[in-house]
Amino acid sequence: MLDGTLKCQAFKDVSNNGLQIANAGTVTRVVTGVDASLRLLQAAAERGADCVVCHHGLSWGGSLARITGLNHRLVSFAIAHNIAVYAAHLPLDAHPRYGNNAQLGKALGLGRLTPAFVYHGETIGFTGTTARPLTLAAFCDRVRATVNPELRVLDFGEKRIRTVGVVSGGASDMIDQAAALGVDVYLTGEPSLQGFNQAEQLGQNVVFAGHYATETFGVRALAGLITRRLGLPATFIDFKIGY
């Protein structure tokens, strides 16, 4: 069901999207989360879940070529507790209904959501509009209430906000695309020095709301989808990580 919905195989991605670790063959309870960390796997085991669905999985390129050290701890824990691990990285960023960016735009009350922002050949973000013009301060208050109370704000652009660009996670290197698209403010997760310099030089407002916080929306939506479509209990676990 997830492969068909998210079209994982259609994306060129460093993440090996889809089923990364199998269990004994049956799924009865699902936990979703941002990262396939030991913390999430342990939480799944405590809840009796036999499947974890996450945004950041365990298998990236050839990262599991040698299953030693931390890789061994994670993989062996999942296998010992019969937990399947399913990951959707770019497919979950890009999905027009259940993806991080579509869900984030919807949560912020943005209309006219339109795919935008290209990453390694894949369009993964969106632009949208507020229902009425807002000050940058009012927009930031909305983000604090919806996404994360702790923000980093670069106020180098327009004081009146109507158009918004949204790319969750670590997308500060797309500030130039935001400026080219002409959005009044660009919302992403993780700040960088490169991003600061680009924003200042291009006169672009940017709001950094946290890599983790901006990427809780897709896995939360998938928990609801799994329950509705498959009738399985599925729970999103939010660790409220401040990064």
C-alpha atoms as a PDB file:
ATOM      1  CA  MET A   1       0.000   0.000   0.000  1.00  0.00           C
ATOM      2  CA  LEU A   2       2.754   2.472   0.927  1.00  0.00           C
ATOM      3  CA  ASP A   3       4.810   1.693  -2.189  1.00  0.00           C
ATOM      4  CA  GLY A   4       1.814   2.393  -4.403  1.00  0.00           C
ATOM      5  CA  THR A   5       0.770   5.549  -2.576  1.00  0.00           C
ATOM      6  CA  LEU A   6       4.212   7.123  -2.236  1.00  0.00           C
ATOM      7  CA  LYS A   7       5.667   5.789  -5.526  1.00  0.00           C
ATOM      8  CA  CYS A   8       8.969   5.154  -3.786  1.00  0.00           C
ATOM      9  CA  GLN A   9      10.640   3.480  -6.755  1.00  0.00           C
ATOM     10  CA  ALA A  10      10.060   6.512  -8.979  1.00  0.00           C
ATOM     11  CA  PHE A  11      12.474   8.689  -6.981  1.00  0.00           C
ATOM     12  CA  LYS A  12      16.229   9.003  -7.353  1.00  0.00           C
ATOM     13  CA  ASP A  13      17.285   9.250  -3.738  1.00  0.00           C
ATOM     14  CA  VAL A  14      20.278   8.412  -1.551  1.00  0.00           C
ATOM     15  CA  SER A  15      17.789   6.741   0.804  1.00  0.00           C
ATOM     16  CA  ASN A  16      16.934   3.164  -0.122  1.00  0.00           C
ATOM     17  CA  ASN A  17      13.229   3.886   0.136  1.00  0.00           C
ATOM     18  CA  GLY A  18      10.669   1.221   0.892  1.00  0.00           C
ATOM     19  CA  LEU A  19      11.032  -1.860   3.061  1.00  0.00           C
ATOM     20  CA  GLN A  20      14.558  -1.828   4.503  1.00  0.00           C
ATOM     21  CA  ILE A  21      14.230  -4.574   7.126  1.00  0.00           C
ATOM     22  CA  ALA A  22      11.607  -7.309   6.976  1.00  0.00           C
ATOM     23  CA  ASN A  23       9.928  -8.973   9.948  1.00  0.00           C
ATOM     24  CA  ALA A  24       8.502 -12.486  10.112  1.00  0.00           C
ATOM     25  CA  GLY A  25       5.867 -11.557   7.539  1.00  0.00           C
ATOM     26  CA  THR A  26       2.834 -10.162   9.362  1.00  0.00           C
ATOM     27  CA  VAL A  27       2.087  -6.616  10.502  1.00  0.00           C
ATOM     28  CA  THR A  28      -0.361  -6.134  13.371  1.00  0.00           C
ATOM     29  CA  ARG A  29       0.646  -2.772  14.864  1.00  0.00           C
ATOM     30  CA  VAL A  30       2.558   0.161  13.358  1.00  0.00           C
ATOM     31  CA  VAL A  31       4.573   2.994  14.846  1.00  0.00           C
ATOM     32  CA  THR A  32       5.591   5.987  12.722  1.00  0.00           C
ATOM     33  CA  GLY A  33       8.355   8.485  13.469  1.00  0.00           C
ATOM     34  CA  VAL A  34      10.834  10.837  11.849  1.00  0.00           C
ATOM     35  CA  ASP A  35      14.034   8.830  12.427  1.00  0.00           C
ATOM     36  CA  ALA A  36      14.674   5.083  12.623  1.00  0.00           C
ATOM     37  CA  SER A  37      16.709   5.687  15.758  1.00  0.00           C
ATOM     38  CA  LEU A  38      17.261   3.234  18.589  1.00  0.00           C
ATOM     39  CA  ARG A  39      14.853   5.374  20.613  1.00  0.00           C
ATOM     40  CA  LEU A  40      12.073   4.858  18.058  1.00  0.00           C
ATOM     41  CA  LEU A  41      12.765   1.129  17.719  1.00  0.00           C
ATOM     42  CA  GLN A  42      12.662   0.740  21.490  1.00  0.00           C
ATOM     43  CA  ALA A  43       9.402   2.682  21.678  1.00  0.00           C
ATOM     44  CA  ALA A  44       7.952   0.418  18.981  1.00  0.00           C
ATOM     45  CA  ALA A  45       8.981  -2.689  20.914  1.00  0.00           C
ATOM     46  CA  GLU A  46       7.451  -1.314  24.136  1.00  0.00           C
ATOM     47  CA  ARG A  47       4.144  -0.805  22.307  1.00  0.00           C
ATOM     48  CA  GLY A  48       4.181  -4.247  20.728  1.00  0.00           C
ATOM     49  CA  ALA A  49       4.568  -2.838  17.211  1.00  0.00           C
ATOM     50  CA  ASP A  50       5.986  -5.082  14.498  1.00  0.00           C
ATOM     51  CA  CYS A  51       6.515  -2.331  11.906  1.00  0.00           C
ATOM     52  CA  VAL A  52       8.141   1.102  11.968  1.00  0.00           C
ATOM     53  CA  VAL A  53       7.421   3.593   9.191  1.00  0.00           C
ATOM     54  CA  CYS A  54       9.826   6.530   9.148  1.00  0.00           C
ATOM     55  CA  HIS A  55      11.192   9.398   7.070  1.00  0.00           C
ATOM     56  CA  HIS A  56      14.891   8.844   7.788  1.00  0.00           C
ATOM     57  CA  GLY A  57      15.545   5.114   7.561  1.00  0.00           C
ATOM     58  CA  LEU A  58      18.583   2.944   8.234  1.00  0.00           C
ATOM     59  CA  SER A  59      19.757   2.243   4.688  1.00  0.00           C
ATOM     60  CA  TRP A  60      21.381   5.103   2.758  1.00  0.00           C
ATOM     61  CA  GLY A  61      23.359   4.205  -0.356  1.00  0.00           C
ATOM     62  CA  GLY A  62      25.850   1.592   0.792  1.00  0.00           C
ATOM     63  CA  SER A  63      25.564   2.471   4.485  1.00  0.00           C
ATOM     64  CA  LEU A  64      24.689  -1.112   5.435  1.00  0.00           C
ATOM     65  CA  ALA A  65      27.493  -2.670   3.429  1.00  0.00           C
ATOM     66  CA  ARG A  66      29.064  -3.524   6.783  1.00  0.00           C
ATOM     67  CA  ILE A  67      26.681  -4.199   9.659  1.00  0.00           C
ATOM     68  CA  THR A  68      28.995  -3.319  12.541  1.00  0.00           C
ATOM     69  CA  GLY A  69      28.944  -0.854  15.432  1.00  0.00           C
ATOM     70  CA  LEU A  70      25.778   1.228  15.564  1.00  0.00           C
ATOM     71  CA  ASN A  71      24.466  -0.405  12.379  1.00  0.00           C
ATOM     72  CA  HIS A  72      24.625  -3.768  14.132  1.00  0.00           C
ATOM     73  CA  ARG A  73      22.869  -2.431  17.244  1.00  0.00           C
ATOM     74  CA  LEU A  74      20.003  -1.014  15.191  1.00  0.00           C
ATOM     75  CA  VAL A  75      19.561  -3.894  12.760  1.00  0.00           C
ATOM     76  CA  SER A  76      19.919  -6.592  15.407  1.00  0.00           C
ATOM     77  CA  PHE A  77      17.419  -4.825  17.689  1.00  0.00           C
ATOM     78  CA  ALA A  78      14.840  -4.652  14.891  1.00  0.00           C
ATOM     79  CA  ILE A  79      15.321  -8.311  13.977  1.00  0.00           C
ATOM     80  CA  ALA A  80      15.339  -9.522  17.597  1.00  0.00           C
ATOM     81  CA  HIS A  81      12.033  -7.730  18.230  1.00  0.00           C
ATOM     82  CA  ASN A  82      10.473  -8.724  14.874  1.00  0.00           C
ATOM     83  CA  ILE A  83      10.168  -5.093  13.750  1.00  0.00           C
ATOM     84  CA  ALA A  84      10.013  -4.302  10.034  1.00  0.00           C
ATOM     85  CA  VAL A  85      11.459  -0.924   9.015  1.00  0.00           C
ATOM     86  CA  TYR A  86       9.966   1.025   6.109  1.00  0.00           C
ATOM     87  CA  ALA A  87      11.482   4.357   5.030  1.00  0.00           C
ATOM     88  CA  ALA A  88      10.235   7.108   2.727  1.00  0.00           C
ATOM     89  CA  HIS A  89      12.595  10.052   2.324  1.00  0.00           C
ATOM     90  CA  LEU A  90      12.099  12.225  -0.790  1.00  0.00           C
ATOM     91  CA  PRO A  91       8.835  10.433  -1.674  1.00  0.00           C
ATOM     92  CA  LEU A  92       7.386  11.612   1.627  1.00  0.00           C
ATOM     93  CA  ASP A  93       8.688  15.155   1.197  1.00  0.00           C
ATOM     94  CA  ALA A  94       7.124  15.400  -2.245  1.00  0.00           C
ATOM     95  CA  HIS A  95       3.753  13.666  -1.893  1.00  0.00           C
ATOM     96  CA  PRO A  96       0.943  16.132  -2.731  1.00  0.00           C
ATOM     97  CA  ARG A  97      -1.404  14.816  -0.050  1.00  0.00           C
ATOM     98  CA  TYR A  98       0.491  12.974   2.689  1.00  0.00           C
ATOM     99  CA  GLY A  99       3.930  14.550   2.294  1.00  0.00           C
ATOM    100  CA  ASN A 100       5.785  16.705   4.792  1.00  0.00           C
ATOM    101  CA  ASN A 101       5.515  19.852   2.710  1.00  0.00           C
ATOM    102  CA  ALA A 102       1.897  19.503   1.600  1.00  0.00           C
ATOM    103  CA  GLN A 103       0.851  18.709   5.169  1.00  0.00           C
ATOM    104  CA  LEU A 104       2.956  21.581   6.512  1.00  0.00           C
ATOM    105  CA  GLY A 105       1.396  24.000   4.043  1.00  0.00           C
ATOM    106  CA  LYS A 106      -2.082  22.777   4.945  1.00  0.00           C
ATOM    107  CA  ALA A 107      -1.379  23.092   8.688  1.00  0.00           C
ATOM    108  CA  LEU A 108      -0.277  26.694   8.131  1.00  0.00           C
ATOM    109  CA  GLY A 109      -3.483  27.484   6.270  1.00  0.00           C
ATOM    110  CA  LEU A 110      -1.833  28.037   2.899  1.00  0.00           C
ATOM    111  CA  GLY A 111      -3.916  27.892  -0.245  1.00  0.00           C
ATOM    112  CA  ARG A 112      -3.050  27.307  -3.904  1.00  0.00           C
ATOM    113  CA  LEU A 113      -0.352  24.795  -3.024  1.00  0.00           C
ATOM    114  CA  THR A 114       1.809  24.265  -6.107  1.00  0.00           C
ATOM    115  CA  PRO A 115       4.789  21.883  -6.456  1.00  0.00           C
ATOM    116  CA  ALA A 116       8.114  23.756  -6.514  1.00  0.00           C
ATOM    117  CA  PHE A 117      11.759  23.494  -5.425  1.00  0.00           C
ATOM    118  CA  VAL A 118      13.952  20.951  -7.183  1.00  0.00           C
ATOM    119  CA  TYR A 119      16.394  18.715  -5.315  1.00  0.00           C
ATOM    120  CA  HIS A 120      18.603  16.387  -7.370  1.00  0.00           C
ATOM    121  CA  GLY A 121      16.063  16.398 -10.154  1.00  0.00           C
ATOM    122  CA  GLU A 122      13.054  15.793  -7.889  1.00  0.00           C
ATOM    123  CA  THR A 123      10.427  18.427  -7.096  1.00  0.00           C
ATOM    124  CA  ILE A 124       9.883  18.098  -3.365  1.00  0.00           C
ATOM    125  CA  GLY A 125       8.433  21.353  -1.984  1.00  0.00           C
ATOM    126  CA  PHE A 126       5.496  23.685  -2.505  1.00  0.00           C
ATOM    127  CA  THR A 127       4.565  27.308  -2.788  1.00  0.00           C
ATOM    128  CA  GLY A 128       1.318  28.602  -1.360  1.00  0.00           C
ATOM    129  CA  THR A 129      -0.509  31.743  -0.348  1.00  0.00           C
ATOM    130  CA  THR A 130      -1.959  33.037   2.889  1.00  0.00           C
ATOM    131  CA  ALA A 131      -5.651  33.888   2.898  1.00  0.00           C
ATOM    132  CA  ARG A 132      -4.800  37.517   3.612  1.00  0.00           C
ATOM    133  CA  PRO A 133      -1.596  39.519   3.850  1.00  0.00           C
ATOM    134  CA  LEU A 134       0.327  39.053   7.096  1.00  0.00           C
ATOM    135  CA  THR A 135       3.230  40.808   8.696  1.00  0.00           C
ATOM    136  CA  LEU A 136       6.340  38.666   8.964  1.00  0.00           C
ATOM    137  CA  ALA A 137       5.888  38.699  12.758  1.00  0.00           C
ATOM    138  CA  ALA A 138       2.317  37.395  12.427  1.00  0.00           C
ATOM    139  CA  PHE A 139       3.451  34.663  10.047  1.00  0.00           C
ATOM    140  CA  CYS A 140       6.171  33.637  12.498  1.00  0.00           C
ATOM    141  CA  ASP A 141       3.604  33.487  15.293  1.00  0.00           C
ATOM    142  CA  ARG A 142       1.580  31.088  13.155  1.00  0.00           C
ATOM    143  CA  VAL A 143       4.642  28.905  12.577  1.00  0.00           C
ATOM    144  CA  ARG A 144       5.467  28.918  16.297  1.00  0.00           C
ATOM    145  CA  ALA A 145       1.952  27.774  17.140  1.00  0.00           C
ATOM    146  CA  THR A 146       1.799  25.130  14.408  1.00  0.00           C
ATOM    147  CA  VAL A 147       5.333  23.787  14.003  1.00  0.00           C
ATOM    148  CA  ASN A 148       7.855  24.805  16.636  1.00  0.00           C
ATOM    149  CA  PRO A 149       7.950  27.553  19.294  1.00  0.00           C
ATOM    150  CA  GLU A 150      11.689  27.992  18.666  1.00  0.00           C
ATOM    151  CA  LEU A 151      12.479  29.692  15.337  1.00  0.00           C
ATOM    152  CA  ARG A 152      15.453  31.311  13.619  1.00  0.00           C
ATOM    153  CA  VAL A 153      14.247  34.184  11.449  1.00  0.00           C
ATOM    154  CA  LEU A 154      16.118  36.049   8.714  1.00  0.00           C
ATOM    155  CA  ASP A 155      14.135  39.213   7.940  1.00  0.00           C
ATOM    156  CA  PHE A 156      15.913  40.406   4.818  1.00  0.00           C
ATOM    157  CA  GLY A 157      12.887  40.655   2.532  1.00  0.00           C
ATOM    158  CA  GLU A 158       9.350  41.978   2.232  1.00  0.00           C
ATOM    159  CA  LYS A 159       7.532  43.101   5.368  1.00  0.00           C
ATOM    160  CA  ARG A 160       4.181  42.029   3.916  1.00  0.00           C
ATOM    161  CA  ILE A 161       3.746  38.260   3.567  1.00  0.00           C
ATOM    162  CA  ARG A 162       1.350  36.643   1.105  1.00  0.00           C
ATOM    163  CA  THR A 163       3.353  34.013  -0.796  1.00  0.00           C
ATOM    164  CA  VAL A 164       5.241  31.257   1.020  1.00  0.00           C
ATOM    165  CA  GLY A 165       7.749  28.614  -0.090  1.00  0.00           C
ATOM    166  CA  VAL A 166       7.920  25.415   1.965  1.00  0.00           C
ATOM    167  CA  VAL A 167      10.633  22.739   1.999  1.00  0.00           C
ATOM    168  CA  SER A 168      11.005  20.737   5.205  1.00  0.00           C
ATOM    169  CA  GLY A 169      14.253  19.521   6.737  1.00  0.00           C
ATOM    170  CA  GLY A 170      17.725  20.639   5.713  1.00  0.00           C
ATOM    171  CA  ALA A 171      16.924  22.766   2.684  1.00  0.00           C
ATOM    172  CA  SER A 172      18.695  26.041   3.400  1.00  0.00           C
ATOM    173  CA  ASP A 173      20.548  25.563   0.109  1.00  0.00           C
ATOM    174  CA  MET A 174      17.284  26.251  -1.739  1.00  0.00           C
ATOM    175  CA  ILE A 175      17.031  29.888  -0.647  1.00  0.00           C
ATOM    176  CA  ASP A 176      18.163  30.939  -4.108  1.00  0.00           C
ATOM    177  CA  GLN A 177      15.232  28.998  -5.578  1.00  0.00           C
ATOM    178  CA  ALA A 178      12.872  30.760  -3.162  1.00  0.00           C
ATOM    179  CA  ALA A 179      14.190  34.132  -4.306  1.00  0.00           C
ATOM    180  CA  ALA A 180      13.861  33.120  -7.971  1.00  0.00           C
ATOM    181  CA  LEU A 181      10.255  32.037  -7.350  1.00  0.00           C
ATOM    182  CA  GLY A 182       9.551  35.421  -5.767  1.00  0.00           C
ATOM    183  CA  VAL A 183       8.009  34.139  -2.530  1.00  0.00           C
ATOM    184  CA  ASP A 184       7.721  36.617   0.309  1.00  0.00           C
ATOM    185  CA  VAL A 185       9.036  34.134   2.871  1.00  0.00           C
ATOM    186  CA  TYR A 186      10.733  30.754   2.687  1.00  0.00           C
ATOM    187  CA  LEU A 187      10.086  28.179   5.406  1.00  0.00           C
ATOM    188  CA  THR A 188      12.504  25.324   5.978  1.00  0.00           C
ATOM    189  CA  GLY A 189      14.027  23.411   8.863  1.00  0.00           C
ATOM    190  CA  GLU A 190      17.734  23.654   9.460  1.00  0.00           C
ATOM    191  CA  PRO A 191      19.780  26.890   9.346  1.00  0.00           C
ATOM    192  CA  SER A 192      23.222  27.187   7.791  1.00  0.00           C
ATOM    193  CA  LEU A 193      25.839  29.858   7.252  1.00  0.00           C
ATOM    194  CA  GLN A 194      25.478  29.434   3.502  1.00  0.00           C
ATOM    195  CA  GLY A 195      21.767  30.059   3.889  1.00  0.00           C
ATOM    196  CA  PHE A 196      22.310  33.197   5.940  1.00  0.00           C
ATOM    197  CA  ASN A 197      24.629  34.638   3.307  1.00  0.00           C
ATOM    198  CA  GLN A 198      22.272  33.765   0.455  1.00  0.00           C
ATOM    199  CA  ALA A 199      19.261  35.245   2.221  1.00  0.00           C
ATOM    200  CA  GLU A 200      21.057  38.482   3.059  1.00  0.00           C
ATOM    201  CA  GLN A 201      22.448  38.953  -0.439  1.00  0.00           C
ATOM    202  CA  LEU A 202      19.206  38.021  -2.209  1.00  0.00           C
ATOM    203  CA  GLY A 203      16.935  39.991   0.143  1.00  0.00           C
ATOM    204  CA  GLN A 204      14.930  36.919   1.109  1.00  0.00           C
ATOM    205  CA  ASN A 205      12.942  36.334   4.288  1.00  0.00           C
ATOM    206  CA  VAL A 206      13.614  32.887   5.729  1.00  0.00           C
ATOM    207  CA  VAL A 207      12.099  31.078   8.699  1.00  0.00           C
ATOM    208  CA  PHE A 208      13.973  28.070  10.088  1.00  0.00           C
ATOM    209  CA  ALA A 209      11.593  25.951  12.167  1.00  0.00           C
ATOM    210  CA  GLY A 210      13.781  22.915  12.874  1.00  0.00           C
ATOM    211  CA  HIS A 211      14.732  19.910  10.751  1.00  0.00           C
ATOM    212  CA  TYR A 212      12.898  17.471  12.994  1.00  0.00           C
ATOM    213  CA  ALA A 213       9.849  19.657  13.687  1.00  0.00           C
ATOM    214  CA  THR A 214       9.148  20.336  10.004  1.00  0.00           C
ATOM    215  CA  GLU A 215       9.339  16.624   9.181  1.00  0.00           C
ATOM    216  CA  THR A 216       6.844  15.286  11.702  1.00  0.00           C
ATOM    217  CA  PHE A 217       3.911  16.099   9.440  1.00  0.00           C
ATOM    218  CA  GLY A 218       4.309  13.388   6.822  1.00  0.00           C
ATOM    219  CA  VAL A 219       4.790  10.446   9.185  1.00  0.00           C
ATOM    220  CA  ARG A 220       1.883  11.695  11.283  1.00  0.00           C
ATOM    221  CA  ALA A 221      -0.298  11.680   8.159  1.00  0.00           C
ATOM    222  CA  LEU A 222       0.898   8.179   7.237  1.00  0.00           C
ATOM    223  CA  ALA A 223      -0.207   6.851  10.635  1.00  0.00           C
ATOM    224  CA  GLY A 224      -3.712   8.054   9.900  1.00  0.00           C
ATOM    225  CA  LEU A 225      -3.614   6.632   6.371  1.00  0.00           C
ATOM    226  CA  ILE A 226      -2.488   3.196   7.580  1.00  0.00           C
ATOM    227  CA  THR A 227      -5.301   3.030  10.114  1.00  0.00           C
ATOM    228  CA  ARG A 228      -7.945   4.172   7.626  1.00  0.00           C
ATOM    229  CA  ARG A 229      -6.797   2.121   4.652  1.00  0.00           C
ATOM    230  CA  LEU A 230      -5.607  -1.067   6.363  1.00  0.00           C
ATOM    231  CA  GLY A 231      -7.499  -1.037   9.638  1.00  0.00           C
ATOM    232  CA  LEU A 232      -4.276  -1.437  11.606  1.00  0.00           C
ATOM    233  CA  PRO A 233      -3.513   0.465  14.805  1.00  0.00           C
ATOM    234  CA  ALA A 234      -0.845   3.012  13.855  1.00  0.00           C
ATOM    235  CA  THR A 235       0.635   5.594  16.216  1.00  0.00           C
ATOM    236  CA  PHE A 236       2.899   8.540  15.468  1.00  0.00           C
ATOM    237  CA  ILE A 237       5.511   9.016  18.188  1.00  0.00           C
ATOM    238  CA  ASP A 238       6.792  12.565  18.621  1.00  0.00           C
ATOM    239  CA  PHE A 239      10.010  12.940  20.604  1.00  0.00           C
ATOM    240  CA  LYS A 240       9.931  16.749  20.164  1.00  0.00           C
ATOM    241  CA  ILE A 241      13.616  16.877  19.274  1.00  0.00           C
ATOM    242  CA  GLY A 242      14.864  20.454  19.023  1.00  0.00           C
ATOM    243  CA  TYR A 243      17.045  20.081  15.929  1.00  0.00           C
END
